[in-house]
Amino acid sequence: MGHSLRLDAYLQFASKAFQREATYRVEVFSEIGSLVLRVYLIRALWTALYAHNRAPANLPLHTIITYSTVALLLSLIFEVDGTRQLREKIRLGTIATDLLKPISIPGSLFSDGVGTTLLHAMSVIPSLLIALLLVHVDRPPDLAAGAAFAAAFALGYAVNFLLNFCMNCVAFWTLETFALQLVVRWLSDLLSGAIIPLTLFPGALQGVLLHLPFAAVYSTPLFVYLGLIHGQQIGRALLEQIAWLIVFSGLGAWIWSRGRDRVVVQGG
């Protein structure tokens, strides 16, 4: 019974977040329009680049356009940071009263993020339908690849949440994490494959980047979607995502514990 009540509480967090974000309808529609424009610019950019350069063997024009379009759609979801509320709670001091409540604050932040993500995911559907009028988006090679993509996406989402959570926990000591998040966001955009496929980087550097946590968020789901990795490679990629999930779960639990104790010791 107790577990059921707790689950209901987290579902309420997700529901309230969805309703909160849905009130900003103008932003939702403007986001859809912005996304469609970016899809058009992506097609124009890659078409121009491929017209004057030799295409990589494993990335013909239609594949790179699909890659960039799907990456753009994923960014609508991965850019949602439900943990930013933690930074505000710490800065305003309300974290002290939240710690007295019989709920898990990290769990409530995750639920809030899921609710916000669901609304953003709903905007992906009309965006994709409109984008299909501008570009051709390839589908996963088969059902197995589609299922593997769903698993890789879910793991990437979890890794991304924990990475944001760890960064916002730093606010227990600094009160502000904007500069740190700006740097990490810049590195993530560059090194995750969200903008440029990691297969276009030189060999040695590519080998390093493919095993960083940033790649677990974007590159792994995208490579699975396009069939650039298959068979046992997919299994190894998913295991690597799970490994990063375990690492950031442990790191997040340690930082949260230290930060929470800091609040308790100082009396809120």
Foldseek 3Di string as FASTA:
>chain_A
DVVVVQVVVLLVLLQVLLVVVVVPVVVLVVVLVVLLVVLLVLLVVLVVVVVVDPDPPVAPSQLVSLLQSVLSLLCLLLVQALLLVLLVCLLVVVVLVVVVDPHDPLSSSVSSSNSNSVNSNVSSVVSVVSNVVNGPHDFAPDPVLVVLLVLLQVLLSLLSRLVSLLQSLCCLPVSDRVVVVVVVVVCLCVLQCSHPALVPDDDVVSVVSCLDSSVSNRVLSSCSGHVVDDDVRSVVSSVSSVVSSVVSVVSSVVSNVVSVVSCVVVVD
